Amino acid sequence: MREKEKRFRDIMRGFPKAKIAVIGDLVADRYIFGKPFKLSREAPVLVVRHDREVILPGGAGNAVNNLLSLGASVYPISILGRDQFGKFLLAFFNERRVITSGIFLVSGRETISKTRIMAGEVHTSKQQVIRIDREPSTPLDSRFNRRIIKYLREIKEKIDALIVSDYGYGLINDEVRSEIKEITKEKPVIVDSRYHLGEFEGVTAITPNESEAELVSGIKVMKDKDVVAIGKNLRERLHVQAVLITRGNKGMILVDDHGEANTIPIYGSDEVTDVTGAGDTVTSVFALSLVAGASFYEAARLSNYAGAIVVMKRGAATLTVNELMDAIRKDLG
């Protein structure tokens, strides 16, 4: 056990040396907290008295934030509107000394945002009452498409790996995807794509959740062995080195670069607080671990610990190296 702990510690020592680009949809996650205190006279709805609100980076922004909290240098690549949410996210990353030259502000474009109304009594856990989403209504201008591709080419030699965090809002189109595949020839590319996973043939690894993997493979999950079959199917069909399928409270299935299936049980409690952004955390730690010298299995183990930590926190949460090390110690005894 002590030998395994030392090995994980050695991998994490490489985190601050890593330089990772994250291309994908930056989202402003806005939380409005309040206390329910009456029913409205205008309609049979709850009235919530405003208490406070907070905005955090979501979507690809959560992947960026997780990498930052673990010490890596990060190159985010995305499009934001010149609105309050876009300016907030840019300022957030600038304050943390992120290299933001790959974040482009577009006039007339709406920044993706998700506003969650969280209501509850003072000494109780706030529950989500409703979520209001804003998203761009028009396709991305081809000028910015070219700028993204140009920037990818400029930083290719500087980075150790690329994470694709594709939430399906149109940033990752065919041209950008083609450039991403070119990068795969030289650097590890880890893909988390909600709707277009099947279009990323030849990348290093993919990290879908069970429902996403089920959808793209066409195989229905009835038993645990079906998830293994899906992982092997996707690895062979998409010509990727590894497939990591997250399964919530059932842990993970990794089909590694030898085609072997590895079952990784859940770490910690299966009574989660909030799954928001957990997939981004898993992908971030998986990619970061590979850059730091981990095998696919070691990277999956570390990302499993990381995912278990953040689901016990509210919102699109991050974690620290110390939290990760504490979880490893507890698990390995």
C-alpha atoms as a PDB file:
ATOM      1  CA  MET A   1       0.000   0.000   0.000  1.00  0.00           C
ATOM      2  CA  ARG A   2       2.815   2.410   0.874  1.00  0.00           C
ATOM      3  CA  GLU A   3       4.377   1.767  -2.531  1.00  0.00           C
ATOM      4  CA  LYS A   4       1.121   2.668  -4.326  1.00  0.00           C
ATOM      5  CA  GLU A   5       0.766   5.812  -2.236  1.00  0.00           C
ATOM      6  CA  LYS A   6       4.311   6.855  -3.118  1.00  0.00           C
ATOM      7  CA  ARG A   7       3.626   6.230  -6.806  1.00  0.00           C
ATOM      8  CA  PHE A   8       0.528   8.470  -6.760  1.00  0.00           C
ATOM      9  CA  ARG A   9       2.481  11.136  -4.868  1.00  0.00           C
ATOM     10  CA  ASP A  10       5.244  11.031  -7.492  1.00  0.00           C
ATOM     11  CA  ILE A  11       2.674  11.497 -10.269  1.00  0.00           C
ATOM     12  CA  MET A  12       1.116  14.487  -8.498  1.00  0.00           C
ATOM     13  CA  ARG A  13       4.528  16.111  -8.102  1.00  0.00           C
ATOM     14  CA  GLY A  14       4.454  16.473 -11.873  1.00  0.00           C
ATOM     15  CA  PHE A  15       1.177  18.444 -11.886  1.00  0.00           C
ATOM     16  CA  PRO A  16       2.761  21.934 -11.537  1.00  0.00           C
ATOM     17  CA  LYS A  17       5.030  21.262 -14.521  1.00  0.00           C
ATOM     18  CA  ALA A  18       2.139  20.469 -16.864  1.00  0.00           C
ATOM     19  CA  LYS A  19       0.930  22.847 -19.579  1.00  0.00           C
ATOM     20  CA  ILE A  20      -2.529  21.923 -20.793  1.00  0.00           C
ATOM     21  CA  ALA A  21      -4.862  23.588 -23.286  1.00  0.00           C
ATOM     22  CA  VAL A  22      -8.628  23.311 -22.818  1.00  0.00           C
ATOM     23  CA  ILE A  23     -10.836  23.982 -25.824  1.00  0.00           C
ATOM     24  CA  GLY A  24     -14.579  24.078 -25.320  1.00  0.00           C
ATOM     25  CA  ASP A  25     -17.674  25.899 -24.189  1.00  0.00           C
ATOM     26  CA  LEU A  26     -17.067  28.307 -21.317  1.00  0.00           C
ATOM     27  CA  VAL A  27     -20.197  28.672 -19.189  1.00  0.00           C
ATOM     28  CA  ALA A  28     -21.086  31.147 -16.433  1.00  0.00           C
ATOM     29  CA  ASP A  29     -22.686  29.156 -13.615  1.00  0.00           C
ATOM     30  CA  ARG A  30     -24.743  31.654 -11.614  1.00  0.00           C
ATOM     31  CA  TYR A  31     -26.239  30.630  -8.262  1.00  0.00           C
ATOM     32  CA  ILE A  32     -28.884  32.799  -6.573  1.00  0.00           C
ATOM     33  CA  PHE A  33     -29.476  31.785  -2.960  1.00  0.00           C
ATOM     34  CA  GLY A  34     -32.569  32.721  -0.998  1.00  0.00           C
ATOM     35  CA  LYS A  35     -35.112  31.760   1.636  1.00  0.00           C
ATOM     36  CA  PRO A  36     -38.669  30.727   0.687  1.00  0.00           C
ATOM     37  CA  PHE A  37     -41.107  32.759   2.775  1.00  0.00           C
ATOM     38  CA  LYS A  38     -44.554  32.795   1.157  1.00  0.00           C
ATOM     39  CA  LEU A  39     -46.722  31.888  -1.821  1.00  0.00           C
ATOM     40  CA  SER A  40     -47.288  34.547  -4.445  1.00  0.00           C
ATOM     41  CA  ARG A  41     -50.773  36.101  -4.756  1.00  0.00           C
ATOM     42  CA  GLU A  42     -50.224  36.448  -8.505  1.00  0.00           C
ATOM     43  CA  ALA A  43     -49.751  32.720  -9.164  1.00  0.00           C
ATOM     44  CA  PRO A  44     -49.409  29.487  -7.172  1.00  0.00           C
ATOM     45  CA  VAL A  45     -45.611  29.821  -6.958  1.00  0.00           C
ATOM     46  CA  LEU A  46     -43.075  30.083  -4.187  1.00  0.00           C
ATOM     47  CA  VAL A  47     -41.612  33.516  -3.421  1.00  0.00           C
ATOM     48  CA  VAL A  48     -37.918  33.422  -2.502  1.00  0.00           C
ATOM     49  CA  ARG A  49     -36.284  36.321  -0.660  1.00  0.00           C
ATOM     50  CA  HIS A  50     -32.875  37.056  -2.232  1.00  0.00           C
ATOM     51  CA  ASP A  51     -29.933  36.388   0.063  1.00  0.00           C
ATOM     52  CA  ARG A  52     -26.779  36.279  -2.065  1.00  0.00           C
ATOM     53  CA  GLU A  53     -25.463  35.154  -5.412  1.00  0.00           C
ATOM     54  CA  VAL A  54     -22.229  33.821  -6.835  1.00  0.00           C
ATOM     55  CA  ILE A  55     -20.886  33.201 -10.342  1.00  0.00           C
ATOM     56  CA  LEU A  56     -18.409  30.407 -11.087  1.00  0.00           C
ATOM     57  CA  PRO A  57     -16.836  29.086 -14.305  1.00  0.00           C
ATOM     58  CA  GLY A  58     -18.803  26.129 -15.624  1.00  0.00           C
ATOM     59  CA  GLY A  59     -18.535  23.849 -18.646  1.00  0.00           C
ATOM     60  CA  ALA A  60     -14.997  23.970 -20.023  1.00  0.00           C
ATOM     61  CA  GLY A  61     -14.354  26.691 -17.434  1.00  0.00           C
ATOM     62  CA  ASN A  62     -14.699  24.095 -14.699  1.00  0.00           C
ATOM     63  CA  ALA A  63     -12.033  21.965 -16.375  1.00  0.00           C
ATOM     64  CA  VAL A  64      -9.763  25.030 -16.511  1.00  0.00           C
ATOM     65  CA  ASN A  65     -10.462  25.806 -12.856  1.00  0.00           C
ATOM     66  CA  ASN A  66      -9.683  22.252 -11.757  1.00  0.00           C
ATOM     67  CA  LEU A  67      -6.372  22.244 -13.596  1.00  0.00           C
ATOM     68  CA  LEU A  68      -5.484  25.575 -12.005  1.00  0.00           C
ATOM     69  CA  SER A  69      -6.301  24.368  -8.494  1.00  0.00           C
ATOM     70  CA  LEU A  70      -3.975  21.388  -9.037  1.00  0.00           C
ATOM     71  CA  GLY A  71      -1.096  23.640 -10.092  1.00  0.00           C
ATOM     72  CA  ALA A  72      -1.018  23.254 -13.875  1.00  0.00           C
ATOM     73  CA  SER A  73      -0.522  26.039 -16.414  1.00  0.00           C
ATOM     74  CA  VAL A  74      -3.670  26.317 -18.528  1.00  0.00           C
ATOM     75  CA  TYR A  75      -4.435  27.668 -22.007  1.00  0.00           C
ATOM     76  CA  PRO A  76      -8.238  28.016 -22.362  1.00  0.00           C
ATOM     77  CA  ILE A  77      -9.584  28.345 -25.896  1.00  0.00           C
ATOM     78  CA  SER A  78     -13.151  29.569 -26.309  1.00  0.00           C
ATOM     79  CA  ILE A  79     -15.595  32.275 -27.379  1.00  0.00           C
ATOM     80  CA  LEU A  80     -17.412  34.665 -25.021  1.00  0.00           C
ATOM     81  CA  GLY A  81     -19.888  37.456 -25.624  1.00  0.00           C
ATOM     82  CA  ARG A  82     -19.095  41.056 -24.725  1.00  0.00           C
ATOM     83  CA  ASP A  83     -21.723  40.919 -21.986  1.00  0.00           C
ATOM     84  CA  GLN A  84     -21.605  40.836 -18.183  1.00  0.00           C
ATOM     85  CA  PHE A  85     -21.015  37.092 -18.006  1.00  0.00           C
ATOM     86  CA  GLY A  86     -18.347  37.100 -20.698  1.00  0.00           C
ATOM     87  CA  LYS A  87     -16.465  39.963 -19.042  1.00  0.00           C
ATOM     88  CA  PHE A  88     -16.784  38.259 -15.646  1.00  0.00           C
ATOM     89  CA  LEU A  89     -15.290  34.976 -16.872  1.00  0.00           C
ATOM     90  CA  LEU A  90     -12.425  36.736 -18.649  1.00  0.00           C
ATOM     91  CA  ALA A  91     -11.666  38.798 -15.524  1.00  0.00           C
ATOM     92  CA  PHE A  92     -11.902  35.681 -13.333  1.00  0.00           C
ATOM     93  CA  PHE A  93      -9.198  33.914 -15.325  1.00  0.00           C
ATOM     94  CA  ASN A  94      -7.034  37.020 -15.764  1.00  0.00           C
ATOM     95  CA  GLU A  95      -6.963  37.494 -11.986  1.00  0.00           C
ATOM     96  CA  ARG A  96      -5.641  33.945 -11.647  1.00  0.00           C
ATOM     97  CA  ARG A  97      -2.933  34.568 -14.242  1.00  0.00           C
ATOM     98  CA  VAL A  98      -4.402  32.207 -16.787  1.00  0.00           C
ATOM     99  CA  ILE A  99      -3.115  32.621 -20.350  1.00  0.00           C
ATOM    100  CA  THR A 100      -6.300  34.114 -21.849  1.00  0.00           C
ATOM    101  CA  SER A 101      -5.075  35.013 -25.343  1.00  0.00           C
ATOM    102  CA  GLY A 102      -7.156  32.104 -26.670  1.00  0.00           C
ATOM    103  CA  ILE A 103     -10.424  33.489 -25.272  1.00  0.00           C
ATOM    104  CA  PHE A 104     -12.098  35.686 -27.890  1.00  0.00           C
ATOM    105  CA  LEU A 105     -14.835  38.222 -27.069  1.00  0.00           C
ATOM    106  CA  VAL A 106     -17.525  38.554 -29.729  1.00  0.00           C
ATOM    107  CA  SER A 107     -19.859  41.549 -29.946  1.00  0.00           C
ATOM    108  CA  GLY A 108     -23.534  40.651 -30.254  1.00  0.00           C
ATOM    109  CA  ARG A 109     -23.001  37.068 -29.053  1.00  0.00           C
ATOM    110  CA  GLU A 110     -24.523  35.875 -25.798  1.00  0.00           C
ATOM    111  CA  THR A 111     -22.252  34.123 -23.308  1.00  0.00           C
ATOM    112  CA  ILE A 112     -23.593  30.728 -22.259  1.00  0.00           C
ATOM    113  CA  SER A 113     -24.971  30.983 -18.732  1.00  0.00           C
ATOM    114  CA  LYS A 114     -26.945  28.793 -16.353  1.00  0.00           C
ATOM    115  CA  THR A 115     -28.762  30.558 -13.529  1.00  0.00           C
ATOM    116  CA  ARG A 116     -29.860  28.298 -10.692  1.00  0.00           C
ATOM    117  CA  ILE A 117     -32.292  29.523  -8.039  1.00  0.00           C
ATOM    118  CA  MET A 118     -31.332  27.794  -4.778  1.00  0.00           C
ATOM    119  CA  ALA A 119     -33.888  28.012  -1.947  1.00  0.00           C
ATOM    120  CA  GLY A 120     -33.919  26.763   1.618  1.00  0.00           C
ATOM    121  CA  GLU A 121     -34.110  27.732   5.277  1.00  0.00           C
ATOM    122  CA  VAL A 122     -31.134  29.294   7.034  1.00  0.00           C
ATOM    123  CA  HIS A 123     -29.769  26.104   8.592  1.00  0.00           C
ATOM    124  CA  THR A 124     -30.713  23.680   5.814  1.00  0.00           C
ATOM    125  CA  SER A 125     -29.089  22.724   2.538  1.00  0.00           C
ATOM    126  CA  LYS A 126     -30.373  24.885  -0.323  1.00  0.00           C
ATOM    127  CA  GLN A 127     -32.217  23.007  -3.080  1.00  0.00           C
ATOM    128  CA  GLN A 128     -32.444  23.983  -6.743  1.00  0.00           C
ATOM    129  CA  VAL A 129     -35.908  25.352  -7.549  1.00  0.00           C
ATOM    130  CA  ILE A 130     -35.438  26.221 -11.220  1.00  0.00           C
ATOM    131  CA  ARG A 131     -32.630  26.694 -13.763  1.00  0.00           C
ATOM    132  CA  ILE A 132     -32.632  29.384 -16.460  1.00  0.00           C
ATOM    133  CA  ASP A 133     -30.264  28.923 -19.413  1.00  0.00           C
ATOM    134  CA  ARG A 134     -28.989  31.488 -21.890  1.00  0.00           C
ATOM    135  CA  GLU A 135     -27.101  30.442 -24.991  1.00  0.00           C
ATOM    136  CA  PRO A 136     -26.048  31.846 -28.388  1.00  0.00           C
ATOM    137  CA  SER A 137     -28.822  31.903 -30.983  1.00  0.00           C
ATOM    138  CA  THR A 138     -26.579  32.233 -34.061  1.00  0.00           C
ATOM    139  CA  PRO A 139     -23.695  30.119 -35.461  1.00  0.00           C
ATOM    140  CA  LEU A 140     -20.123  31.193 -34.798  1.00  0.00           C
ATOM    141  CA  ASP A 141     -18.735  33.673 -37.339  1.00  0.00           C
ATOM    142  CA  SER A 142     -16.170  31.998 -39.612  1.00  0.00           C
ATOM    143  CA  ARG A 143     -13.616  34.715 -38.755  1.00  0.00           C
ATOM    144  CA  PHE A 144     -13.456  33.500 -35.163  1.00  0.00           C
ATOM    145  CA  ASN A 145     -13.370  29.923 -36.361  1.00  0.00           C
ATOM    146  CA  ARG A 146     -10.160  30.749 -38.226  1.00  0.00           C
ATOM    147  CA  ARG A 147      -8.744  32.549 -35.172  1.00  0.00           C
ATOM    148  CA  ILE A 148      -9.317  29.493 -33.001  1.00  0.00           C
ATOM    149  CA  ILE A 149      -7.548  27.232 -35.502  1.00  0.00           C
ATOM    150  CA  LYS A 150      -4.670  29.718 -35.807  1.00  0.00           C
ATOM    151  CA  TYR A 151      -4.303  29.848 -32.034  1.00  0.00           C
ATOM    152  CA  LEU A 152      -4.297  26.042 -31.757  1.00  0.00           C
ATOM    153  CA  ARG A 153      -1.422  25.936 -34.240  1.00  0.00           C
ATOM    154  CA  GLU A 154       0.462  28.659 -32.350  1.00  0.00           C
ATOM    155  CA  ILE A 155       0.393  26.902 -28.978  1.00  0.00           C
ATOM    156  CA  LYS A 156       0.827  23.321 -30.180  1.00  0.00           C
ATOM    157  CA  GLU A 157       4.538  23.249 -29.355  1.00  0.00           C
ATOM    158  CA  LYS A 158       4.038  24.907 -25.961  1.00  0.00           C
ATOM    159  CA  ILE A 159       1.502  22.501 -24.483  1.00  0.00           C
ATOM    160  CA  ASP A 160       1.808  18.949 -23.156  1.00  0.00           C
ATOM    161  CA  ALA A 161      -1.798  17.931 -23.845  1.00  0.00           C
ATOM    162  CA  LEU A 162      -5.178  19.166 -25.076  1.00  0.00           C
ATOM    163  CA  ILE A 163      -8.537  18.641 -23.372  1.00  0.00           C
ATOM    164  CA  VAL A 164     -11.702  18.963 -25.465  1.00  0.00           C
ATOM    165  CA  SER A 165     -14.725  19.959 -23.376  1.00  0.00           C
ATOM    166  CA  ASP A 166     -17.543  19.970 -25.925  1.00  0.00           C
ATOM    167  CA  TYR A 167     -21.004  20.769 -24.567  1.00  0.00           C
ATOM    168  CA  GLY A 168     -22.536  21.010 -28.018  1.00  0.00           C
ATOM    169  CA  TYR A 169     -22.917  24.789 -28.410  1.00  0.00           C
ATOM    170  CA  GLY A 170     -21.207  24.904 -31.814  1.00  0.00           C
ATOM    171  CA  LEU A 171     -17.649  25.902 -30.930  1.00  0.00           C
ATOM    172  CA  ILE A 172     -16.203  22.516 -31.929  1.00  0.00           C
ATOM    173  CA  ASN A 173     -17.237  22.301 -35.585  1.00  0.00           C
ATOM    174  CA  ASP A 174     -15.796  20.129 -38.368  1.00  0.00           C
ATOM    175  CA  GLU A 175     -12.883  22.466 -39.152  1.00  0.00           C
ATOM    176  CA  VAL A 176     -11.839  22.813 -35.493  1.00  0.00           C
ATOM    177  CA  ARG A 177     -12.258  19.069 -34.990  1.00  0.00           C
ATOM    178  CA  SER A 178      -9.949  18.415 -37.940  1.00  0.00           C
ATOM    179  CA  GLU A 179      -7.259  20.627 -36.369  1.00  0.00           C
ATOM    180  CA  ILE A 180      -7.689  18.819 -33.036  1.00  0.00           C
ATOM    181  CA  LYS A 181      -7.004  15.515 -34.785  1.00  0.00           C
ATOM    182  CA  GLU A 182      -3.786  16.987 -36.210  1.00  0.00           C
ATOM    183  CA  ILE A 183      -2.627  17.798 -32.681  1.00  0.00           C
ATOM    184  CA  THR A 184      -3.272  14.171 -31.677  1.00  0.00           C
ATOM    185  CA  LYS A 185      -0.360  13.145 -33.924  1.00  0.00           C
ATOM    186  CA  GLU A 186       2.020  14.964 -31.551  1.00  0.00           C
ATOM    187  CA  LYS A 187       0.292  15.425 -28.180  1.00  0.00           C
ATOM    188  CA  PRO A 188      -2.236  13.560 -26.017  1.00  0.00           C
ATOM    189  CA  VAL A 189      -5.809  14.706 -26.698  1.00  0.00           C
ATOM    190  CA  ILE A 190      -8.509  13.781 -24.168  1.00  0.00           C
ATOM    191  CA  VAL A 191     -12.113  14.311 -25.278  1.00  0.00           C
ATOM    192  CA  ASP A 192     -15.277  14.846 -23.251  1.00  0.00           C
ATOM    193  CA  SER A 193     -18.087  15.477 -25.750  1.00  0.00           C
ATOM    194  CA  ARG A 194     -21.755  15.395 -24.835  1.00  0.00           C
ATOM    195  CA  TYR A 195     -23.271  14.949 -28.306  1.00  0.00           C
ATOM    196  CA  HIS A 196     -20.469  14.399 -30.837  1.00  0.00           C
ATOM    197  CA  LEU A 197     -18.245  11.762 -29.287  1.00  0.00           C
ATOM    198  CA  GLY A 198     -18.447   9.558 -32.379  1.00  0.00           C
ATOM    199  CA  GLU A 199     -16.805  12.280 -34.494  1.00  0.00           C
ATOM    200  CA  PHE A 200     -13.488  12.275 -32.602  1.00  0.00           C
ATOM    201  CA  GLU A 201     -11.835   9.272 -34.239  1.00  0.00           C
ATOM    202  CA  GLY A 202      -8.147   8.818 -33.531  1.00  0.00           C
ATOM    203  CA  VAL A 203      -7.796  10.966 -30.399  1.00  0.00           C
ATOM    204  CA  THR A 204      -5.854   9.608 -27.420  1.00  0.00           C
ATOM    205  CA  ALA A 205      -8.736   8.919 -25.033  1.00  0.00           C
ATOM    206  CA  ILE A 206     -12.413   9.675 -24.466  1.00  0.00           C
ATOM    207  CA  THR A 207     -14.194  10.078 -21.110  1.00  0.00           C
ATOM    208  CA  PRO A 208     -17.973   9.694 -21.607  1.00  0.00           C
ATOM    209  CA  ASN A 209     -20.473   8.973 -18.878  1.00  0.00           C
ATOM    210  CA  GLU A 210     -22.495   5.779 -19.177  1.00  0.00           C
ATOM    211  CA  SER A 211     -25.489   7.310 -20.980  1.00  0.00           C
ATOM    212  CA  GLU A 212     -23.268   9.126 -23.512  1.00  0.00           C
ATOM    213  CA  ALA A 213     -21.312   5.941 -24.186  1.00  0.00           C
ATOM    214  CA  GLU A 214     -24.523   3.964 -24.543  1.00  0.00           C
ATOM    215  CA  LEU A 215     -25.897   6.456 -27.068  1.00  0.00           C
ATOM    216  CA  VAL A 216     -22.858   6.587 -29.345  1.00  0.00           C
ATOM    217  CA  SER A 217     -22.227   2.822 -29.235  1.00  0.00           C
ATOM    218  CA  GLY A 218     -25.838   1.805 -29.797  1.00  0.00           C
ATOM    219  CA  ILE A 219     -25.474  -0.846 -27.075  1.00  0.00           C
ATOM    220  CA  LYS A 220     -28.083  -0.830 -24.294  1.00  0.00           C
ATOM    221  CA  VAL A 221     -26.742  -1.274 -20.768  1.00  0.00           C
ATOM    222  CA  MET A 222     -28.599  -4.089 -19.022  1.00  0.00           C
ATOM    223  CA  LYS A 223     -25.728  -5.533 -16.979  1.00  0.00           C
ATOM    224  CA  ASP A 224     -22.236  -4.444 -15.907  1.00  0.00           C
ATOM    225  CA  LYS A 225     -20.664  -6.541 -18.659  1.00  0.00           C
ATOM    226  CA  ASP A 226     -22.499  -4.415 -21.236  1.00  0.00           C
ATOM    227  CA  VAL A 227     -20.460  -1.371 -20.154  1.00  0.00           C
ATOM    228  CA  VAL A 228     -17.262  -3.333 -20.790  1.00  0.00           C
ATOM    229  CA  ALA A 229     -18.597  -4.273 -24.237  1.00  0.00           C
ATOM    230  CA  ILE A 230     -19.358  -0.607 -24.937  1.00  0.00           C
ATOM    231  CA  GLY A 231     -15.853   0.451 -23.902  1.00  0.00           C
ATOM    232  CA  LYS A 232     -14.228  -2.114 -26.178  1.00  0.00           C
ATOM    233  CA  ASN A 233     -16.594  -1.241 -29.009  1.00  0.00           C
ATOM    234  CA  LEU A 234     -15.776   2.473 -28.800  1.00  0.00           C
ATOM    235  CA  ARG A 235     -12.043   1.883 -28.503  1.00  0.00           C
ATOM    236  CA  GLU A 236     -11.964  -0.240 -31.651  1.00  0.00           C
ATOM    237  CA  ARG A 237     -14.480   1.770 -33.640  1.00  0.00           C
ATOM    238  CA  LEU A 238     -13.042   5.206 -32.900  1.00  0.00           C
ATOM    239  CA  HIS A 239      -9.407   4.031 -32.963  1.00  0.00           C
ATOM    240  CA  VAL A 240      -8.610   5.611 -29.591  1.00  0.00           C
ATOM    241  CA  GLN A 241      -6.039   4.316 -27.139  1.00  0.00           C
ATOM    242  CA  ALA A 242      -8.305   4.317 -24.075  1.00  0.00           C
ATOM    243  CA  VAL A 243     -11.943   4.724 -23.072  1.00  0.00           C
ATOM    244  CA  LEU A 244     -12.884   5.801 -19.538  1.00  0.00           C
ATOM    245  CA  ILE A 245     -16.613   5.452 -18.805  1.00  0.00           C
ATOM    246  CA  THR A 246     -17.906   7.107 -15.633  1.00  0.00           C
ATOM    247  CA  ARG A 247     -20.868   5.395 -13.973  1.00  0.00           C
ATOM    248  CA  GLY A 248     -21.876   7.591 -11.049  1.00  0.00           C
ATOM    249  CA  ASN A 249     -22.181   5.545  -7.850  1.00  0.00           C
ATOM    250  CA  LYS A 250     -21.038   2.430  -9.744  1.00  0.00           C
ATOM    251  CA  GLY A 251     -17.531   3.786 -10.273  1.00  0.00           C
ATOM    252  CA  MET A 252     -15.756   3.597 -13.636  1.00  0.00           C
ATOM    253  CA  ILE A 253     -14.836   1.201 -16.419  1.00  0.00           C
ATOM    254  CA  LEU A 254     -11.506   1.755 -18.176  1.00  0.00           C
ATOM    255  CA  VAL A 255     -10.618  -0.015 -21.401  1.00  0.00           C
ATOM    256  CA  ASP A 256      -6.893   0.701 -21.623  1.00  0.00           C
ATOM    257  CA  ASP A 257      -4.334   0.877 -24.420  1.00  0.00           C
ATOM    258  CA  HIS A 258      -3.968  -2.928 -24.384  1.00  0.00           C
ATOM    259  CA  GLY A 259      -7.716  -3.429 -24.803  1.00  0.00           C
ATOM    260  CA  GLU A 260      -8.018  -4.714 -21.221  1.00  0.00           C
ATOM    261  CA  ALA A 261     -11.079  -3.767 -19.167  1.00  0.00           C
ATOM    262  CA  ASN A 262     -10.518  -2.461 -15.636  1.00  0.00           C
ATOM    263  CA  THR A 263     -13.332  -1.977 -13.124  1.00  0.00           C
ATOM    264  CA  ILE A 264     -12.679   0.890 -10.705  1.00  0.00           C
ATOM    265  CA  PRO A 265     -15.177   0.908  -7.817  1.00  0.00           C
ATOM    266  CA  ILE A 266     -16.537   4.127  -6.373  1.00  0.00           C
ATOM    267  CA  TYR A 267     -14.420   5.739  -3.681  1.00  0.00           C
ATOM    268  CA  GLY A 268     -16.171   7.161  -0.608  1.00  0.00           C
ATOM    269  CA  SER A 269     -19.906   7.586  -0.104  1.00  0.00           C
ATOM    270  CA  ASP A 270     -22.503   6.957  -2.800  1.00  0.00           C
ATOM    271  CA  GLU A 271     -24.686   9.674  -1.204  1.00  0.00           C
ATOM    272  CA  VAL A 272     -23.570  12.592  -3.363  1.00  0.00           C
ATOM    273  CA  THR A 273     -24.227  16.285  -2.735  1.00  0.00           C
ATOM    274  CA  ASP A 274     -24.001  17.638  -6.299  1.00  0.00           C
ATOM    275  CA  VAL A 275     -22.785  16.025  -9.542  1.00  0.00           C
ATOM    276  CA  THR A 276     -22.464  19.382 -11.381  1.00  0.00           C
ATOM    277  CA  GLY A 277     -19.120  19.479 -13.186  1.00  0.00           C
ATOM    278  CA  ALA A 278     -17.890  16.120 -11.873  1.00  0.00           C
ATOM    279  CA  GLY A 279     -17.203  14.920 -15.423  1.00  0.00           C
ATOM    280  CA  ASP A 280     -14.995  17.966 -16.058  1.00  0.00           C
ATOM    281  CA  THR A 281     -13.001  17.147 -12.923  1.00  0.00           C
ATOM    282  CA  VAL A 282     -12.535  13.534 -14.000  1.00  0.00           C
ATOM    283  CA  THR A 283     -11.346  14.533 -17.484  1.00  0.00           C
ATOM    284  CA  SER A 284      -8.991  17.190 -16.076  1.00  0.00           C
ATOM    285  CA  VAL A 285      -7.306  14.889 -13.576  1.00  0.00           C
ATOM    286  CA  PHE A 286      -7.126  12.052 -16.102  1.00  0.00           C
ATOM    287  CA  ALA A 287      -5.329  14.259 -18.651  1.00  0.00           C
ATOM    288  CA  LEU A 288      -3.110  15.910 -16.039  1.00  0.00           C
ATOM    289  CA  SER A 289      -2.051  12.523 -14.650  1.00  0.00           C
ATOM    290  CA  LEU A 290      -1.131  11.225 -18.113  1.00  0.00           C
ATOM    291  CA  VAL A 291       1.048  14.282 -18.711  1.00  0.00           C
ATOM    292  CA  ALA A 292       2.716  13.674 -15.319  1.00  0.00           C
ATOM    293  CA  GLY A 293       3.712  10.151 -16.366  1.00  0.00           C
ATOM    294  CA  ALA A 294       0.798   8.004 -15.191  1.00  0.00           C
ATOM    295  CA  SER A 295      -0.438   4.940 -17.033  1.00  0.00           C
ATOM    296  CA  PHE A 296      -4.051   4.999 -18.208  1.00  0.00           C
ATOM    297  CA  TYR A 297      -5.023   2.867 -15.196  1.00  0.00           C
ATOM    298  CA  GLU A 298      -3.185   5.125 -12.715  1.00  0.00           C
ATOM    299  CA  ALA A 299      -4.748   8.202 -14.327  1.00  0.00           C
ATOM    300  CA  ALA A 300      -8.199   6.622 -14.045  1.00  0.00           C
ATOM    301  CA  ARG A 301      -7.629   5.786 -10.369  1.00  0.00           C
ATOM    302  CA  LEU A 302      -6.604   9.366  -9.597  1.00  0.00           C
ATOM    303  CA  SER A 303      -9.534  10.813 -11.528  1.00  0.00           C
ATOM    304  CA  ASN A 304     -11.870   8.473  -9.632  1.00  0.00           C
ATOM    305  CA  TYR A 305     -10.639   9.885  -6.306  1.00  0.00           C
ATOM    306  CA  ALA A 306     -11.013  13.421  -7.680  1.00  0.00           C
ATOM    307  CA  GLY A 307     -14.574  12.859  -8.874  1.00  0.00           C
ATOM    308  CA  ALA A 308     -15.558  11.435  -5.483  1.00  0.00           C
ATOM    309  CA  ILE A 309     -14.210  14.531  -3.736  1.00  0.00           C
ATOM    310  CA  VAL A 310     -16.011  17.135  -5.864  1.00  0.00           C
ATOM    311  CA  VAL A 311     -19.439  15.450  -5.822  1.00  0.00           C
ATOM    312  CA  MET A 312     -19.490  16.067  -2.073  1.00  0.00           C
ATOM    313  CA  LYS A 313     -19.290  19.825  -2.727  1.00  0.00           C
ATOM    314  CA  ARG A 314     -21.898  22.251  -4.047  1.00  0.00           C
ATOM    315  CA  GLY A 315     -21.766  23.516  -7.618  1.00  0.00           C
ATOM    316  CA  ALA A 316     -19.000  23.141 -10.188  1.00  0.00           C
ATOM    317  CA  ALA A 317     -16.360  22.466  -7.549  1.00  0.00           C
ATOM    318  CA  THR A 318     -12.593  22.044  -7.662  1.00  0.00           C
ATOM    319  CA  LEU A 319     -10.145  20.168  -5.461  1.00  0.00           C
ATOM    320  CA  THR A 320      -6.577  20.523  -4.239  1.00  0.00           C
ATOM    321  CA  VAL A 321      -3.576  18.192  -4.304  1.00  0.00           C
ATOM    322  CA  ASN A 322      -3.841  17.887  -0.503  1.00  0.00           C
ATOM    323  CA  GLU A 323      -7.476  16.732  -0.747  1.00  0.00           C
ATOM    324  CA  LEU A 324      -6.492  14.221  -3.412  1.00  0.00           C
ATOM    325  CA  MET A 325      -3.614  12.911  -1.295  1.00  0.00           C
ATOM    326  CA  ASP A 326      -5.846  12.624   1.789  1.00  0.00           C
ATOM    327  CA  ALA A 327      -8.345  10.524  -0.196  1.00  0.00           C
ATOM    328  CA  ILE A 328      -5.542   8.223  -1.410  1.00  0.00           C
ATOM    329  CA  ARG A 329      -4.222   7.735   2.122  1.00  0.00           C
ATOM    330  CA  LYS A 330      -7.655   6.894   3.469  1.00  0.00           C
ATOM    331  CA  ASP A 331      -8.375   4.467   0.664  1.00  0.00           C
ATOM    332  CA  LEU A 332      -5.031   2.697   0.839  1.00  0.00           C
ATOM    333  CA  GLY A 333      -5.038   2.593   4.636  1.00  0.00           C
END
